[in-house]
Amino acid sequence: MRRAILRAAILVGGLATGLPAVVQAQPAPRREAVRIGIMSDLSGSFADVAGQGSVVAAQLAAEDFGGRAAGLPVQILSGDHQNRADTGSAIARRWFDTEGVDAIIDLPNSAVALAVSEVARTANRVALVTAAVSSRLSGEACSPNLIHYSLDTWSMSNVPSRTLVQQGGDSWFYITADYAFGHDLERQSGEAVTRAGGRVLGTVRHPLGTTDFSSVLLQAQASRASVVALANSQADFINTMKQTSEFGLTRRGQRVVGLAVYISDIVSLGLEATQGAIVVSNFYWDMTDGTRSFGRRFAERMGGRMPTDLQANAYAAVIHYLKAVEALGRATDGRAVVARMKATPTEDAVFGRGAIRPDGRRVSPVYVFQAKAPSESSGRYDVYRLIREVPLEEAYRPLAQGGCPLAQGGG
């Protein structure tokens, strides 16, 4: 197994110069600092939506909190899990056992997130999942050491499905990546469409990494479905959308909705290819004074790039985590910290007010956006028009339906 990359730790507020302090990969004194590890995909398929941007978001949060919690300086470390559950677990064990890390945040890739959550539970540390999307994280795999910040597959599939059926999009056709993630999105969306009174006309599945979607899109056209739903993500979504534009599905009156779309995807494709696409998210940088301020500060450190919702989640998670550590006066008992986080309403400049349920699900406003036409955009990241804010009872899976034992016990 390749040695995972351990990036330099940033000591926020602990050095008069404010310069990075390099932390060697060796045992560290346990209570020198509150240490937060950002475990991400720093070089692979999730690097744009999380990656180094999540590290920067965490650094901004630690700075905004004042750089100290429970009388100790706050340190932000980062590591690359390389999209491998075994690598993520190994980093987590090393961080917890020998490097004094108190909490791990980010964790794009659900297999990695599930594995690291179990390591955190065993070690009684904290896992704050701000980038993985499996609904199992607040379902049967919930943990008293885990909080799930990022929207999950239930929200990503149910919200746009219900919204579009209500708007008249009552017939659906799915283009689905042929693996568990795609199947899950398709299944949950199809169930939501049917419950809302719509019909599923058909589906076609494609292998991961497909580049030619011409035959797939011909089937979508021939279905005459009012909505073509893309149950795929990352490169597969980008390739599908490019060719959807070339085939002119939206010009022929079909609406296209991506079930797992991030602002980085829209910017990469451009509005010429994505105009009219429906996107569900809990964050957009150009919504409030708070989001715009965060976006500008983030962009200054990220070469002009605006934050994704996953990166904004990392900011919010660090803020709320440090509030709990400060209130308890310690970071050593992970279950106690998570219990305090659940008991305290969430509030920050990026998401406003929210809450954390007993199953570990963070709830905050969820929005339906539509990608703008090029003529409506004033800049590269001016890409969304708000369609609606989704009521919280519609935006998240009901607490009793997830299968989390903590939902019954209140913990």
Protein backbone atom coordinates (compact mmCIF):
# COMPACT_ATOMS: atom_id res chain seq x y z
CA MET A 1 0.00 0.00 0.00
CA ARG A 2 1.35 3.38 -0.93
CA ARG A 3 2.21 5.62 1.94
CA ALA A 4 -0.56 8.17 2.22
CA ILE A 5 0.43 11.77 1.89
CA LEU A 6 0.53 13.70 5.16
CA ARG A 7 0.40 17.39 4.38
CA ALA A 8 1.85 20.12 6.55
CA ALA A 9 -0.26 21.01 9.54
CA ILE A 10 -1.37 24.59 9.88
CA LEU A 11 -1.20 25.96 13.41
CA VAL A 12 -3.96 28.54 13.50
CA GLY A 13 -3.42 31.25 16.07
CA GLY A 14 -0.59 29.34 17.71
CA LEU A 15 2.33 31.10 16.02
CA ALA A 16 2.99 34.81 16.10
CA THR A 17 4.08 34.71 12.47
CA GLY A 18 1.04 32.78 11.25
CA LEU A 19 3.34 30.64 9.09
CA PRO A 20 2.78 26.88 8.55
CA ALA A 21 4.39 24.55 11.04
CA VAL A 22 5.53 21.19 9.69
CA VAL A 23 4.42 18.25 11.80
CA GLN A 24 6.67 15.21 11.44
CA ALA A 25 5.06 11.77 11.16
CA GLN A 26 5.99 10.70 14.70
CA PRO A 27 4.21 10.51 18.05
CA ALA A 28 3.22 13.93 19.36
CA PRO A 29 2.46 15.04 22.91
CA ARG A 30 -1.22 14.42 23.36
CA ARG A 31 -2.54 17.69 24.68
CA GLU A 32 -0.47 20.26 22.88
CA ALA A 33 -3.43 21.22 20.70
CA VAL A 34 -6.89 20.40 19.47
CA ARG A 35 -5.99 18.53 16.29
CA ILE A 36 -8.37 18.17 13.36
CA GLY A 37 -7.47 15.93 10.44
CA ILE A 38 -8.96 16.72 7.03
CA MET A 39 -8.95 13.34 5.30
CA SER A 40 -9.79 13.87 1.66
CA ASP A 41 -9.10 12.90 -1.92
CA LEU A 42 -6.29 15.31 -2.74
CA SER A 43 -5.44 14.05 -6.21
CA GLY A 44 -8.29 11.93 -7.61
CA SER A 45 -11.87 12.24 -8.80
CA PHE A 46 -13.13 14.11 -5.71
CA ALA A 47 -10.26 16.61 -5.53
CA ASP A 48 -12.24 19.44 -7.13
CA VAL A 49 -15.37 19.07 -5.00
CA ALA A 50 -13.51 18.49 -1.71
CA GLY A 51 -9.72 18.03 -1.64
CA GLN A 52 -7.51 21.00 -0.84
CA GLY A 53 -10.56 23.24 -0.81
CA SER A 54 -11.84 21.41 2.25
CA VAL A 55 -8.48 21.99 3.95
CA VAL A 56 -8.72 25.71 3.19
CA ALA A 57 -12.32 25.86 4.45
CA ALA A 58 -11.26 24.19 7.71
CA GLN A 59 -8.39 26.65 8.12
CA LEU A 60 -10.77 29.59 7.61
CA ALA A 61 -13.12 28.17 10.24
CA ALA A 62 -10.34 27.70 12.78
CA GLU A 63 -9.18 31.27 12.17
CA ASP A 64 -12.72 32.63 12.53
CA PHE A 65 -13.08 30.77 15.82
CA GLY A 66 -10.00 32.54 17.11
CA GLY A 67 -7.44 29.78 16.65
CA ARG A 68 -7.94 28.26 20.11
CA ALA A 69 -10.45 26.00 21.85
CA ALA A 70 -10.50 24.75 25.45
CA GLY A 71 -7.34 26.77 26.07
CA LEU A 72 -5.37 24.99 23.34
CA PRO A 73 -4.29 26.04 19.84
CA VAL A 74 -6.16 24.47 16.96
CA GLN A 75 -4.17 22.53 14.37
CA ILE A 76 -5.45 21.46 10.95
CA LEU A 77 -3.73 18.46 9.34
CA SER A 78 -4.51 16.87 6.00
CA GLY A 79 -4.12 13.42 4.50
CA ASP A 80 -4.94 11.76 1.17
CA HIS A 81 -7.02 8.57 1.45
CA GLN A 82 -6.54 7.91 -2.30
CA ASN A 83 -10.15 6.66 -2.50
CA ARG A 84 -9.24 3.46 -0.68
CA ALA A 85 -11.01 2.36 2.49
CA ASP A 86 -7.93 0.51 3.76
CA THR A 87 -5.74 3.57 3.26
CA GLY A 88 -8.28 5.80 5.01
CA SER A 89 -8.52 3.40 7.95
CA ALA A 90 -4.74 3.21 8.26
CA ILE A 91 -4.40 7.00 8.30
CA ALA A 92 -7.19 7.26 10.89
CA ARG A 93 -5.55 4.72 13.20
CA ARG A 94 -2.18 6.46 12.94
CA TRP A 95 -3.70 9.87 13.54
CA PHE A 96 -5.69 8.66 16.55
CA ASP A 97 -3.08 6.33 18.06
CA THR A 98 0.17 8.25 17.65
CA GLU A 99 -0.47 11.78 16.38
CA GLY A 100 -3.09 13.06 18.79
CA VAL A 101 -5.82 13.81 16.26
CA ASP A 102 -9.17 14.41 17.94
CA ALA A 103 -11.51 14.59 14.94
CA ILE A 104 -11.48 13.63 11.26
CA ILE A 105 -13.48 15.71 8.78
CA ASP A 106 -14.36 15.60 5.06
CA LEU A 107 -14.14 11.95 3.83
CA PRO A 108 -15.38 12.04 0.23
CA ASN A 109 -16.05 8.46 -0.97
CA SER A 110 -18.68 6.64 1.07
CA ALA A 111 -16.69 3.41 1.44
CA VAL A 112 -13.86 5.39 3.05
CA ALA A 113 -16.28 7.36 5.24
CA LEU A 114 -17.95 4.20 6.54
CA ALA A 115 -14.60 2.58 7.31
CA VAL A 116 -13.16 5.64 9.07
CA SER A 117 -16.37 6.11 11.06
CA GLU A 118 -15.90 2.66 12.54
CA VAL A 119 -12.27 3.46 13.45
CA ALA A 120 -13.45 6.66 15.15
CA ARG A 121 -16.13 4.78 17.08
CA THR A 122 -13.63 2.20 18.31
CA ALA A 123 -11.13 4.90 19.33
CA ASN A 124 -13.85 7.15 20.81
CA ARG A 125 -12.86 10.06 18.57
CA VAL A 126 -15.01 12.11 16.21
CA ALA A 127 -15.86 11.63 12.52
CA LEU A 128 -17.61 14.55 10.81
CA VAL A 129 -18.57 13.44 7.31
CA THR A 130 -18.86 16.56 5.19
CA ALA A 131 -18.32 15.06 1.72
CA ALA A 132 -19.61 11.45 1.45
CA VAL A 133 -23.24 10.93 0.44
CA SER A 134 -24.33 7.42 1.50
CA SER A 135 -27.61 7.56 3.41
CA ARG A 136 -26.30 4.63 5.50
CA LEU A 137 -24.18 7.10 7.48
CA SER A 138 -27.27 8.34 9.32
CA GLY A 139 -29.09 5.04 8.86
CA GLU A 140 -28.03 1.56 9.88
CA ALA A 141 -24.35 2.64 10.01
CA CYS A 142 -24.95 5.60 12.35
CA SER A 143 -22.63 6.02 15.31
CA PRO A 144 -22.48 8.05 18.53
CA ASN A 145 -19.14 9.37 17.23
CA LEU A 146 -20.43 10.46 13.81
CA ILE A 147 -22.22 13.47 12.34
CA HIS A 148 -23.20 13.60 8.66
CA TYR A 149 -23.14 17.09 7.14
CA SER A 150 -23.28 16.52 3.38
CA LEU A 151 -26.58 15.86 1.64
CA ASP A 152 -27.12 12.13 1.25
CA THR A 153 -28.54 10.01 -1.54
CA TRP A 154 -32.03 10.25 -0.04
CA SER A 155 -32.08 14.06 -0.28
CA MET A 156 -30.24 14.14 -3.61
CA SER A 157 -32.81 11.85 -5.22
CA ASN A 158 -36.05 12.71 -3.41
CA VAL A 159 -35.92 16.51 -3.52
CA PRO A 160 -35.52 17.02 -7.30
CA SER A 161 -37.88 14.15 -8.10
CA ARG A 162 -40.73 15.51 -6.01
CA THR A 163 -40.08 19.09 -7.17
CA LEU A 164 -40.15 18.30 -10.88
CA VAL A 165 -43.22 16.07 -10.68
CA GLN A 166 -45.03 18.93 -8.93
CA GLN A 167 -43.95 21.21 -11.79
CA GLY A 168 -45.43 18.87 -14.41
CA GLY A 169 -42.46 16.60 -15.07
CA ASP A 170 -44.48 13.44 -14.56
CA SER A 171 -42.63 10.98 -16.82
CA TRP A 172 -39.03 10.02 -16.12
CA PHE A 173 -36.18 8.21 -17.85
CA TYR A 174 -32.93 7.37 -16.03
CA ILE A 175 -29.36 7.28 -17.29
CA THR A 176 -27.62 5.40 -14.50
CA ALA A 177 -24.03 4.54 -13.65
CA ASP A 178 -23.95 0.75 -13.29
CA TYR A 179 -22.68 0.40 -9.72
CA ALA A 180 -24.13 0.71 -6.22
CA PHE A 181 -24.11 4.52 -6.03
CA GLY A 182 -25.98 4.94 -9.32
CA HIS A 183 -28.43 2.17 -8.51
CA ASP A 184 -29.18 3.78 -5.15
CA LEU A 185 -29.89 7.19 -6.69
CA GLU A 186 -32.09 5.66 -9.38
CA ARG A 187 -34.06 3.52 -6.93
CA GLN A 188 -34.71 6.30 -4.43
CA SER A 189 -35.59 8.83 -7.13
CA GLY A 190 -37.93 6.39 -8.88
CA GLU A 191 -39.73 5.68 -5.61
CA ALA A 192 -40.14 9.42 -5.01
CA VAL A 193 -41.46 9.98 -8.54
CA THR A 194 -44.05 7.22 -8.10
CA ARG A 195 -45.13 8.51 -4.67
CA ALA A 196 -45.60 11.99 -6.16
CA GLY A 197 -47.84 10.63 -8.93
CA GLY A 198 -45.31 10.38 -11.75
CA ARG A 199 -44.22 7.44 -13.91
CA VAL A 200 -40.85 5.88 -14.65
CA LEU A 201 -40.75 5.09 -18.37
CA GLY A 202 -37.40 3.36 -18.44
CA THR A 203 -33.74 3.28 -17.58
CA VAL A 204 -30.45 2.57 -19.28
CA ARG A 205 -27.27 1.79 -17.38
CA HIS A 206 -23.71 2.51 -18.40
CA PRO A 207 -20.33 1.33 -17.09
CA LEU A 208 -18.28 3.64 -14.90
CA GLY A 209 -15.99 5.72 -17.10
CA THR A 210 -18.14 5.65 -20.24
CA THR A 211 -17.14 8.31 -22.78
CA ASP A 212 -19.63 7.77 -25.63
CA PHE A 213 -23.24 8.27 -24.54
CA SER A 214 -24.78 8.52 -28.01
CA SER A 215 -26.76 5.25 -27.86
CA VAL A 216 -27.83 6.03 -24.30
CA LEU A 217 -29.11 9.47 -25.26
CA LEU A 218 -30.96 8.12 -28.28
CA GLN A 219 -32.89 5.86 -25.91
CA ALA A 220 -33.63 8.82 -23.65
CA GLN A 221 -34.91 10.81 -26.63
CA ALA A 222 -37.03 7.94 -27.88
CA SER A 223 -38.66 7.53 -24.47
CA ARG A 224 -40.27 10.98 -24.83
CA ALA A 225 -39.97 11.32 -21.06
CA SER A 226 -40.51 14.83 -19.79
CA VAL A 227 -37.52 14.44 -17.43
CA VAL A 228 -34.20 12.73 -18.13
CA ALA A 229 -32.46 12.04 -14.81
CA LEU A 230 -28.71 11.45 -14.62
CA ALA A 231 -27.95 9.02 -11.79
CA ASN A 232 -24.19 9.37 -12.15
CA SER A 233 -21.50 11.79 -11.05
CA GLN A 234 -18.09 13.34 -11.66
CA ALA A 235 -16.62 12.47 -15.09
CA ASP A 236 -19.65 10.37 -16.06
CA PHE A 237 -22.01 13.26 -15.34
CA ILE A 238 -19.79 15.72 -17.20
CA ASN A 239 -19.56 13.48 -20.28
CA THR A 240 -23.31 12.83 -20.24
CA MET A 241 -24.15 16.52 -19.97
CA LYS A 242 -21.78 17.49 -22.77
CA GLN A 243 -23.46 15.06 -25.12
CA THR A 244 -26.94 15.88 -23.84
CA SER A 245 -26.33 19.42 -25.04
CA GLU A 246 -25.04 18.17 -28.39
CA PHE A 247 -28.16 16.01 -28.84
CA GLY A 248 -30.38 18.97 -27.96
CA LEU A 249 -32.57 17.26 -25.37
CA THR A 250 -33.51 20.50 -23.62
CA ARG A 251 -34.21 22.22 -26.95
CA ARG A 252 -36.69 19.43 -27.67
CA GLY A 253 -38.51 20.12 -24.40
CA GLN A 254 -37.04 17.43 -22.17
CA ARG A 255 -35.74 18.60 -18.79
CA VAL A 256 -32.42 17.24 -17.59
CA VAL A 257 -31.70 16.80 -13.89
CA GLY A 258 -28.44 15.63 -12.38
CA LEU A 259 -28.93 13.82 -9.09
CA ALA A 260 -25.35 14.35 -7.89
CA VAL A 261 -24.13 17.70 -9.21
CA TYR A 262 -21.70 20.24 -7.78
CA ILE A 263 -20.90 23.79 -8.82
CA SER A 264 -17.48 22.66 -10.02
CA ASP A 265 -19.24 20.39 -12.55
CA ILE A 266 -21.36 23.26 -13.87
CA VAL A 267 -18.35 25.57 -14.15
CA SER A 268 -16.29 22.87 -15.87
CA LEU A 269 -19.00 22.24 -18.45
CA GLY A 270 -20.02 25.86 -18.94
CA LEU A 271 -23.53 27.27 -19.06
CA GLU A 272 -23.90 26.66 -22.79
CA ALA A 273 -23.97 22.93 -22.02
CA THR A 274 -25.80 23.04 -18.68
CA GLN A 275 -28.37 25.85 -18.98
CA GLY A 276 -31.70 24.75 -17.60
CA ALA A 277 -30.28 21.85 -15.59
CA ILE A 278 -31.84 21.33 -12.15
CA VAL A 279 -29.44 21.14 -9.18
CA VAL A 280 -30.14 20.44 -5.50
CA SER A 281 -27.73 21.78 -2.89
CA ASN A 282 -27.57 23.09 0.67
CA PHE A 283 -25.14 25.88 -0.31
CA TYR A 284 -24.41 28.39 -3.05
CA TRP A 285 -21.80 31.07 -2.58
CA ASP A 286 -23.96 33.93 -3.93
CA MET A 287 -26.98 33.75 -1.61
CA THR A 288 -26.32 35.93 1.44
CA ASP A 289 -23.75 38.39 2.71
CA GLY A 290 -22.29 35.55 4.79
CA THR A 291 -21.92 33.14 1.88
CA ARG A 292 -20.46 35.84 -0.35
CA SER A 293 -17.89 36.85 2.26
CA PHE A 294 -16.90 33.21 2.78
CA GLY A 295 -16.73 32.69 -0.97
CA ARG A 296 -14.44 35.68 -1.53
CA ARG A 297 -12.06 34.65 1.27
CA PHE A 298 -12.00 31.07 0.00
CA ALA A 299 -11.34 32.23 -3.57
CA GLU A 300 -8.38 34.35 -2.45
CA ARG A 301 -6.65 31.17 -1.26
CA MET A 302 -7.87 28.89 -4.05
CA GLY A 303 -6.85 30.77 -7.16
CA GLY A 304 -10.25 32.33 -7.77
CA ARG A 305 -12.31 29.16 -7.31
CA MET A 306 -15.53 29.44 -5.34
CA PRO A 307 -16.38 26.79 -2.72
CA THR A 308 -18.56 23.78 -3.35
CA ASP A 309 -21.23 22.76 -0.87
CA LEU A 310 -18.91 20.01 0.42
CA GLN A 311 -16.17 22.52 1.17
CA ALA A 312 -18.67 24.82 2.87
CA ASN A 313 -19.78 21.83 4.97
CA ALA A 314 -16.19 21.44 6.20
CA TYR A 315 -16.21 25.06 7.37
CA ALA A 316 -19.47 24.60 9.28
CA ALA A 317 -18.35 21.31 10.83
CA VAL A 318 -15.15 22.83 12.23
CA ILE A 319 -17.02 25.81 13.71
CA HIS A 320 -19.61 23.65 15.47
CA TYR A 321 -17.04 21.09 16.61
CA LEU A 322 -14.88 23.79 18.21
CA LYS A 323 -17.92 25.26 19.96
CA ALA A 324 -18.56 21.86 21.55
CA VAL A 325 -14.92 21.41 22.55
CA GLU A 326 -14.87 24.89 24.08
CA ALA A 327 -18.07 24.22 26.02
CA LEU A 328 -16.81 20.88 27.36
CA GLY A 329 -13.30 22.13 28.05
CA ARG A 330 -11.75 19.10 26.35
CA ALA A 331 -11.63 17.21 23.04
CA THR A 332 -10.58 13.79 24.34
CA ASP A 333 -14.01 12.14 24.69
CA GLY A 334 -15.44 11.82 21.19
CA ARG A 335 -18.88 10.64 22.25
CA ALA A 336 -19.23 13.53 24.67
CA VAL A 337 -18.23 16.02 21.99
CA VAL A 338 -20.72 14.60 19.47
CA ALA A 339 -23.47 14.55 22.11
CA ARG A 340 -22.77 18.22 22.83
CA MET A 341 -22.88 19.02 19.10
CA LYS A 342 -26.27 17.32 18.82
CA ALA A 343 -27.61 19.15 21.87
CA THR A 344 -26.58 22.58 20.55
CA PRO A 345 -28.28 24.28 17.56
CA THR A 346 -25.86 24.86 14.70
CA GLU A 347 -25.20 28.44 13.64
CA ASP A 348 -22.53 29.95 11.42
CA ALA A 349 -22.16 32.68 8.80
CA VAL A 350 -22.33 30.22 5.90
CA PHE A 351 -25.42 28.09 6.65
CA GLY A 352 -27.19 30.15 9.29
CA ARG A 353 -29.13 28.17 11.88
CA GLY A 354 -29.71 24.43 11.83
CA ALA A 355 -29.71 21.35 14.03
CA ILE A 356 -28.25 17.87 14.37
CA ARG A 357 -30.71 15.02 14.83
CA PRO A 358 -30.23 12.01 17.12
CA ASP A 359 -29.20 9.91 14.09
CA GLY A 360 -26.33 12.33 13.40
CA ARG A 361 -27.99 13.97 10.40
CA ARG A 362 -27.23 17.73 10.23
CA VAL A 363 -30.29 19.54 8.92
CA SER A 364 -30.09 22.97 7.32
CA PRO A 365 -31.97 24.59 4.45
CA VAL A 366 -31.90 22.78 1.10
CA TYR A 367 -32.45 24.57 -2.21
CA VAL A 368 -33.44 23.72 -5.76
CA PHE A 369 -31.48 25.71 -8.33
CA GLN A 370 -31.56 25.96 -12.10
CA ALA A 371 -28.43 26.56 -14.15
CA LYS A 372 -28.59 29.96 -15.82
CA ALA A 373 -28.39 30.67 -19.52
CA PRO A 374 -25.06 32.22 -20.59
CA SER A 375 -26.79 35.54 -21.24
CA GLU A 376 -27.95 35.70 -17.61
CA SER A 377 -24.52 35.15 -16.07
CA SER A 378 -22.28 38.00 -14.96
CA GLY A 379 -19.20 35.87 -14.31
CA ARG A 380 -17.69 32.40 -14.26
CA TYR A 381 -19.27 31.39 -10.94
CA ASP A 382 -22.59 33.20 -11.45
CA VAL A 383 -24.31 29.98 -12.48
CA TYR A 384 -27.48 29.34 -10.42
CA ARG A 385 -30.96 30.79 -10.23
CA LEU A 386 -32.91 29.86 -7.09
CA ILE A 387 -36.11 27.94 -7.82
CA ARG A 388 -37.27 27.13 -4.29
CA GLU A 389 -36.24 26.50 -0.72
CA VAL A 390 -37.34 23.03 0.30
CA PRO A 391 -39.21 22.61 3.61
CA LEU A 392 -37.05 20.66 6.04
CA GLU A 393 -39.63 17.90 6.40
CA GLU A 394 -39.30 17.27 2.64
CA ALA A 395 -35.55 17.79 2.41
CA TYR A 396 -34.40 14.96 4.69
CA ARG A 397 -35.38 11.35 5.25
CA PRO A 398 -37.79 11.03 8.20
CA LEU A 399 -35.92 10.12 11.36
CA ALA A 400 -37.92 6.92 11.92
CA GLN A 401 -37.23 5.55 8.43
CA GLY A 402 -33.44 5.39 8.45
CA GLY A 403 -32.90 2.38 10.68
CA CYS A 404 -30.50 4.16 13.04
CA PRO A 405 -30.64 2.70 16.57
CA LEU A 406 -29.78 6.13 17.99
CA ALA A 407 -33.03 7.51 16.58
CA GLN A 408 -34.88 5.37 19.12
CA GLY A 409 -32.55 6.02 22.03
CA GLY A 410 -32.20 9.75 21.47
CA GLY A 411 -28.39 9.59 21.37
